[in-house]
């Protein structure tokens, strides 16, 4: 009898801080997660401990934000049957591995992380001191999050590369000290998607209020599009436009690729006005978000479904985490 071998998928891990509902820019990141889940055994988590590193004094919305971010993920198509969705704080092994890693990580490794001093300065300018033990150690907690699942890859943007490199350095140090081979060195998995700009053509950011929420109603979408920045040099509809500086045109490039060339030509020839261009974008964005709204309503009306998804994801994450911690404790003779 011929033995049938089941292919074991390599693992991948990523997460998001639950600081509020997601916007259109996040949906493109989640779409990348959806695609990767076909190729890898994927673990996706809400990084609620990380959210506290800079907002320890404003946690009243944390539980609701965790719930809403998972609803957003599921609404845009993340399939819990193809990946494991869980909350960081529900898997206590993350804290244990973080503590053990902290015993062997040089302080200088944490102080040299590029985002550390930059964020200290940025928050200081806002009148908030985040020079805490937890904030200094958050890159190490992130390394523990990653290595817990022994993934081969981590989907990140280029700005997160120092964190992946810290995890890789930690793997080498741990293996050298304890003469073992437990963790693969995770490689960055860069997104192949283009970054959606904000409605004012700057980087999309909640601090700029230049985003459109995935949970936005039709009226809210329309209001955001009406306020989008267009060509400041164009006064009349018949004036030749410069679509390359127009945020509305940029959005057509993401959501209306088929019509974008003709819109460009008509704009440059003064044959289409900004109002008409915005109206078409409103239609497209609301068409894009209609199934997201429907799925969100379904999840909101069935909280038990969401609880079951998280329960199953937590269980799968704990099982994987316990396997890793058994190996770590044995290597460290604990």
Protein backbone atom coordinates (compact mmCIF):
# COMPACT_ATOMS: atom_id res chain seq x y z
CA UNK A 1 0.00 0.00 0.00
CA UNK A 2 1.41 3.38 -1.03
CA UNK A 3 1.67 5.89 1.80
CA UNK A 4 0.11 9.26 1.00
CA UNK A 5 2.23 12.08 2.38
CA UNK A 6 0.55 15.31 3.42
CA UNK A 7 2.52 18.42 2.55
CA UNK A 8 3.30 20.50 5.61
CA UNK A 9 3.08 24.20 4.84
CA UNK A 10 5.79 26.54 6.05
CA UNK A 11 4.62 29.09 8.58
CA UNK A 12 4.17 32.82 8.33
CA UNK A 13 3.17 35.36 11.00
CA UNK A 14 1.94 38.95 11.04
CA UNK A 15 -0.18 41.22 13.21
CA UNK A 16 -1.65 44.68 13.69
CA UNK A 17 -2.00 46.92 16.72
CA UNK A 18 -5.70 47.39 17.58
CA UNK A 19 -5.74 51.17 17.78
CA UNK A 20 -9.06 51.68 15.98
CA UNK A 21 -11.03 50.62 12.93
CA UNK A 22 -9.14 49.98 9.70
CA UNK A 23 -9.18 52.14 6.60
CA UNK A 24 -8.94 51.46 2.86
CA UNK A 25 -5.15 51.41 3.00
CA UNK A 26 -5.24 48.57 5.53
CA UNK A 27 -7.50 46.54 3.24
CA UNK A 28 -4.65 46.18 0.76
CA UNK A 29 -2.40 44.79 3.51
CA UNK A 30 -5.11 42.31 4.50
CA UNK A 31 -5.52 41.30 0.85
CA UNK A 32 -1.84 40.41 0.86
CA UNK A 33 -2.46 38.31 3.99
CA UNK A 34 -5.33 36.56 2.19
CA UNK A 35 -3.09 35.67 -0.75
CA UNK A 36 -0.28 34.45 1.51
CA UNK A 37 -2.65 32.19 3.47
CA UNK A 38 -3.00 30.03 0.37
CA UNK A 39 0.74 29.34 0.39
CA UNK A 40 1.61 29.28 4.12
CA UNK A 41 0.19 28.17 7.44
CA UNK A 42 -0.55 31.72 8.49
CA UNK A 43 -0.92 33.13 12.01
CA UNK A 44 -2.47 36.62 12.21
CA UNK A 45 -2.92 38.35 15.55
CA UNK A 46 -4.10 41.52 17.21
CA UNK A 47 -1.05 42.98 18.97
CA UNK A 48 -2.90 44.33 22.00
CA UNK A 49 0.15 44.36 24.31
CA UNK A 50 1.97 46.44 21.72
CA UNK A 51 -0.93 48.90 21.66
CA UNK A 52 -0.39 49.47 25.39
CA UNK A 53 3.29 50.40 24.97
CA UNK A 54 2.29 53.91 23.89
CA UNK A 55 -1.28 54.06 25.25
CA UNK A 56 -1.11 52.46 28.70
CA UNK A 57 -3.22 55.29 30.10
CA UNK A 58 -6.05 55.08 27.54
CA UNK A 59 -7.09 51.43 27.42
CA UNK A 60 -10.86 51.89 27.77
CA UNK A 61 -11.45 51.08 24.07
CA UNK A 62 -8.87 48.29 23.76
CA UNK A 63 -11.27 45.34 23.94
CA UNK A 64 -13.66 46.93 21.47
CA UNK A 65 -10.80 47.86 19.13
CA UNK A 66 -9.63 44.22 19.16
CA UNK A 67 -13.12 43.11 18.23
CA UNK A 68 -13.46 45.71 15.48
CA UNK A 69 -10.11 44.99 13.86
CA UNK A 70 -10.98 41.30 13.54
CA UNK A 71 -14.37 42.21 12.07
CA UNK A 72 -12.55 44.41 9.54
CA UNK A 73 -10.19 41.56 8.61
CA UNK A 74 -13.06 39.14 8.10
CA UNK A 75 -15.17 41.72 6.26
CA UNK A 76 -12.58 42.18 3.53
CA UNK A 77 -12.21 38.43 3.04
CA UNK A 78 -9.72 36.95 5.50
CA UNK A 79 -10.86 33.33 5.85
CA UNK A 80 -10.49 31.81 9.34
CA UNK A 81 -10.61 28.36 7.72
CA UNK A 82 -7.34 29.15 5.94
CA UNK A 83 -5.45 30.90 8.76
CA UNK A 84 -5.29 31.25 12.54
CA UNK A 85 -6.68 34.53 13.95
CA UNK A 86 -5.91 35.22 17.60
CA UNK A 87 -5.25 37.83 20.27
CA UNK A 88 -1.66 38.26 21.47
CA UNK A 89 -2.62 38.57 25.14
CA UNK A 90 -4.61 35.32 25.03
CA UNK A 91 -1.41 33.36 24.42
CA UNK A 92 0.57 33.88 27.61
CA UNK A 93 3.60 32.06 26.22
CA UNK A 94 4.43 35.29 24.37
CA UNK A 95 5.16 36.93 27.72
CA UNK A 96 7.28 33.99 28.90
CA UNK A 97 9.42 33.93 25.77
CA UNK A 98 9.83 37.70 25.97
CA UNK A 99 11.11 37.41 29.54
CA UNK A 100 13.55 34.64 28.65
CA UNK A 101 14.84 36.55 25.61
CA UNK A 102 15.30 39.64 27.78
CA UNK A 103 17.85 37.77 29.88
CA UNK A 104 20.24 37.36 26.98
CA UNK A 105 19.59 40.43 24.82
CA UNK A 106 22.18 43.25 25.09
CA UNK A 107 20.62 46.57 26.04
CA UNK A 108 22.46 48.22 23.14
CA UNK A 109 20.47 46.11 20.66
CA UNK A 110 17.24 47.72 21.84
CA UNK A 111 18.60 51.26 22.06
CA UNK A 112 19.82 51.16 18.47
CA UNK A 113 16.43 50.24 16.94
CA UNK A 114 15.77 53.22 14.62
CA UNK A 115 12.15 53.71 15.68
CA UNK A 116 12.99 53.89 19.39
CA UNK A 117 14.55 57.37 19.56
CA UNK A 118 12.35 58.63 16.75
CA UNK A 119 9.12 57.75 18.53
CA UNK A 120 10.43 59.01 21.87
CA UNK A 121 10.98 62.38 20.21
CA UNK A 122 7.66 62.35 18.35
CA UNK A 123 5.63 61.57 21.46
CA UNK A 124 7.64 64.04 23.53
CA UNK A 125 6.67 66.80 21.09
CA UNK A 126 3.03 65.85 21.72
CA UNK A 127 3.61 66.21 25.46
CA UNK A 128 3.71 62.51 26.31
CA UNK A 129 6.63 60.67 27.89
CA UNK A 130 6.84 57.05 26.69
CA UNK A 131 10.32 56.37 28.06
CA UNK A 132 9.15 53.21 29.83
CA UNK A 133 10.63 49.76 30.28
CA UNK A 134 7.84 48.35 28.12
CA UNK A 135 8.47 50.73 25.25
CA UNK A 136 12.21 50.09 25.26
CA UNK A 137 11.53 46.36 25.17
CA UNK A 138 8.75 46.31 22.59
CA UNK A 139 11.10 45.26 19.73
CA UNK A 140 12.08 42.26 21.84
CA UNK A 141 8.42 41.43 22.48
CA UNK A 142 7.92 41.67 18.74
CA UNK A 143 10.79 39.24 18.22
CA UNK A 144 9.15 36.86 20.70
CA UNK A 145 5.84 37.20 18.82
CA UNK A 146 7.56 36.26 15.58
CA UNK A 147 9.83 33.47 16.78
CA UNK A 148 7.14 31.81 18.90
CA UNK A 149 5.65 30.31 15.73
CA UNK A 150 8.99 29.53 14.09
CA UNK A 151 7.90 31.09 10.77
CA UNK A 152 10.05 31.28 7.68
CA UNK A 153 8.64 34.68 6.78
CA UNK A 154 7.07 37.86 8.15
CA UNK A 155 5.01 40.17 5.89
CA UNK A 156 6.33 43.67 6.57
CA UNK A 157 6.97 47.04 5.03
CA UNK A 158 10.53 48.23 4.59
CA UNK A 159 10.18 50.40 7.71
CA UNK A 160 9.83 47.24 9.81
CA UNK A 161 13.05 45.63 8.58
CA UNK A 162 15.05 46.51 11.75
CA UNK A 163 12.57 44.49 13.79
CA UNK A 164 12.92 41.43 11.58
CA UNK A 165 16.71 41.78 11.69
CA UNK A 166 16.61 41.92 15.49
CA UNK A 167 14.68 38.64 15.50
CA UNK A 168 17.27 37.10 13.17
CA UNK A 169 20.14 38.27 15.39
CA UNK A 170 18.39 36.87 18.42
CA UNK A 171 18.04 33.47 16.73
CA UNK A 172 21.79 33.34 16.11
CA UNK A 173 22.60 34.41 19.66
CA UNK A 174 20.18 31.94 21.26
CA UNK A 175 21.44 29.03 19.18
CA UNK A 176 25.06 29.91 19.94
CA UNK A 177 24.57 30.25 23.71
CA UNK A 178 22.46 27.13 24.16
CA UNK A 179 23.99 25.00 21.39
CA UNK A 180 20.67 24.20 19.74
CA UNK A 181 18.71 24.71 16.52
CA UNK A 182 15.13 25.69 17.32
CA UNK A 183 14.22 28.74 15.28
CA UNK A 184 14.50 29.40 11.55
CA UNK A 185 15.81 32.87 10.75
CA UNK A 186 12.63 34.58 9.51
CA UNK A 187 12.89 36.46 6.24
CA UNK A 188 10.94 39.61 5.45
CA UNK A 189 8.10 39.05 3.00
CA UNK A 190 7.60 42.37 1.26
CA UNK A 191 4.16 43.30 0.03
CA UNK A 192 3.72 43.39 -3.74
CA UNK A 193 0.86 45.90 -3.50
CA UNK A 194 1.03 49.63 -4.12
CA UNK A 195 0.44 51.95 -1.18
CA UNK A 196 -2.84 53.85 -1.30
CA UNK A 197 -2.29 57.56 -0.55
CA UNK A 198 -4.45 59.64 1.75
CA UNK A 199 -7.34 61.69 0.44
CA UNK A 200 -5.03 64.73 0.43
CA UNK A 201 -2.25 62.89 -1.45
CA UNK A 202 -0.11 62.64 1.70
CA UNK A 203 0.63 59.36 3.45
CA UNK A 204 -2.65 57.92 4.73
CA UNK A 205 -2.70 58.50 8.48
CA UNK A 206 -5.28 58.83 11.24
CA UNK A 207 -3.38 61.85 12.55
CA UNK A 208 -4.01 63.61 9.21
CA UNK A 209 -7.68 62.53 9.07
CA UNK A 210 -7.11 61.73 5.39
CA UNK A 211 -8.49 58.19 5.36
CA UNK A 212 -11.71 56.37 4.50
CA UNK A 213 -12.75 53.70 7.00
CA UNK A 214 -13.69 50.24 5.78
CA UNK A 215 -16.80 50.61 7.95
CA UNK A 216 -17.75 53.98 6.41
CA UNK A 217 -21.36 54.45 5.28
CA UNK A 218 -22.22 55.69 1.78
CA UNK A 219 -22.74 59.20 3.10
CA UNK A 220 -19.40 59.12 4.92
CA UNK A 221 -17.60 57.90 1.78
CA UNK A 222 -19.24 60.60 -0.31
CA UNK A 223 -18.29 63.31 2.18
CA UNK A 224 -14.66 62.16 2.18
CA UNK A 225 -14.49 62.11 -1.62
CA UNK A 226 -16.10 65.56 -1.90
CA UNK A 227 -13.33 66.89 0.32
CA UNK A 228 -10.49 65.27 -1.64
CA UNK A 229 -7.70 67.50 -2.96
CA UNK A 230 -7.75 68.15 -6.70
CA UNK A 231 -5.63 70.28 -9.05
CA UNK A 232 -5.31 73.69 -7.29
CA UNK A 233 -4.39 75.37 -10.59
CA UNK A 234 -7.67 74.38 -12.24
CA UNK A 235 -10.36 77.02 -11.74
CA UNK A 236 -12.91 76.20 -14.47
CA UNK A 237 -13.99 72.87 -15.90
CA UNK A 238 -12.62 73.85 -19.31
CA UNK A 239 -9.14 74.59 -17.92
CA UNK A 240 -6.57 71.92 -18.81
CA UNK A 241 -5.96 69.78 -15.72
CA UNK A 242 -2.89 68.15 -14.22
CA UNK A 243 -4.14 64.73 -13.03
CA UNK A 244 -0.75 63.73 -11.62
CA UNK A 245 -1.25 66.14 -8.68
CA UNK A 246 -4.89 65.16 -8.04
CA UNK A 247 -5.74 62.70 -5.25
CA UNK A 248 -9.03 61.79 -6.97
CA UNK A 249 -7.11 60.69 -10.05
CA UNK A 250 -4.73 58.68 -7.87
CA UNK A 251 -7.68 56.79 -6.40
CA UNK A 252 -9.02 56.07 -9.88
CA UNK A 253 -5.66 54.37 -10.46
CA UNK A 254 -6.43 51.94 -7.64
CA UNK A 255 -10.16 51.40 -8.08
CA UNK A 256 -10.80 52.27 -11.74
CA UNK A 257 -7.81 51.17 -13.79
CA UNK A 258 -9.93 50.53 -16.88
CA UNK A 259 -11.26 54.09 -17.11
CA UNK A 260 -8.22 55.90 -15.75
CA UNK A 261 -6.50 56.54 -19.13
CA UNK A 262 -9.63 58.14 -20.61
CA UNK A 263 -10.15 60.19 -17.44
CA UNK A 264 -6.57 61.40 -17.72
CA UNK A 265 -7.03 62.47 -21.34
CA UNK A 266 -10.36 64.19 -20.63
CA UNK A 267 -8.92 66.03 -17.63
CA UNK A 268 -5.93 67.32 -19.57
CA UNK A 269 -8.23 68.46 -22.39
CA UNK A 270 -10.63 70.23 -20.00
CA UNK A 271 -13.48 67.92 -21.01
CA UNK A 272 -14.33 66.57 -17.53
CA UNK A 273 -14.83 68.50 -14.32
CA UNK A 274 -13.61 67.62 -10.84
CA UNK A 275 -17.18 67.16 -9.63
CA UNK A 276 -17.94 64.59 -12.31
CA UNK A 277 -14.68 62.78 -11.58
CA UNK A 278 -15.46 62.68 -7.85
CA UNK A 279 -19.01 61.42 -8.48
CA UNK A 280 -17.65 58.46 -10.45
CA UNK A 281 -15.16 57.69 -7.67
CA UNK A 282 -17.96 57.76 -5.08
CA UNK A 283 -19.85 55.15 -7.10
CA UNK A 284 -16.79 52.93 -7.38
CA UNK A 285 -15.81 53.12 -3.71
CA UNK A 286 -19.34 52.40 -2.54
CA UNK A 287 -19.50 49.42 -4.91
CA UNK A 288 -16.18 48.23 -3.45
CA UNK A 289 -17.39 48.59 0.12
CA UNK A 290 -20.92 47.19 -0.34
CA UNK A 291 -19.94 43.53 0.30
CA UNK A 292 -17.67 44.65 3.16
CA UNK A 293 -20.61 46.43 4.80
CA UNK A 294 -22.82 43.36 4.33
CA UNK A 295 -20.26 41.03 5.89
CA UNK A 296 -19.66 43.47 8.74
CA UNK A 297 -23.40 43.61 9.49
CA UNK A 298 -23.52 39.81 9.56
CA UNK A 299 -20.66 39.63 12.06
CA UNK A 300 -22.01 42.46 14.21
CA UNK A 301 -25.35 40.66 14.45
CA UNK A 302 -23.76 37.33 15.39
CA UNK A 303 -21.15 37.98 18.10
CA UNK A 304 -21.00 34.26 18.85
CA UNK A 305 -19.53 33.63 15.39
CA UNK A 306 -16.70 36.06 16.11
CA UNK A 307 -16.09 34.49 19.54
CA UNK A 308 -15.85 31.03 17.95
CA UNK A 309 -13.33 32.25 15.36
CA UNK A 310 -11.10 33.79 18.03
CA UNK A 311 -11.48 30.75 20.30
CA UNK A 312 -10.30 28.42 17.54
CA UNK A 313 -7.47 30.75 16.54
CA UNK A 314 -6.31 31.10 20.13
CA UNK A 315 -6.31 27.33 20.56
CA UNK A 316 -4.19 26.79 17.44
CA UNK A 317 -1.77 29.55 18.49
CA UNK A 318 -1.44 28.14 22.02
CA UNK A 319 -0.70 24.67 20.69
CA UNK A 320 2.07 26.00 18.45
CA UNK A 321 3.38 28.23 21.25
CA UNK A 322 3.49 25.39 23.76
CA UNK A 323 5.50 23.27 21.33
CA UNK A 324 8.04 26.08 20.96
CA UNK A 325 8.26 26.73 24.69
CA UNK A 326 8.89 23.05 25.39
CA UNK A 327 11.91 23.25 23.09
CA UNK A 328 13.10 26.54 24.60
CA UNK A 329 12.83 25.32 28.18
CA UNK A 330 14.71 22.15 27.32
CA UNK A 331 17.48 24.13 25.58
CA UNK A 332 17.80 26.50 28.55
CA UNK A 333 17.55 23.60 31.08
CA UNK A 334 14.62 25.29 32.83
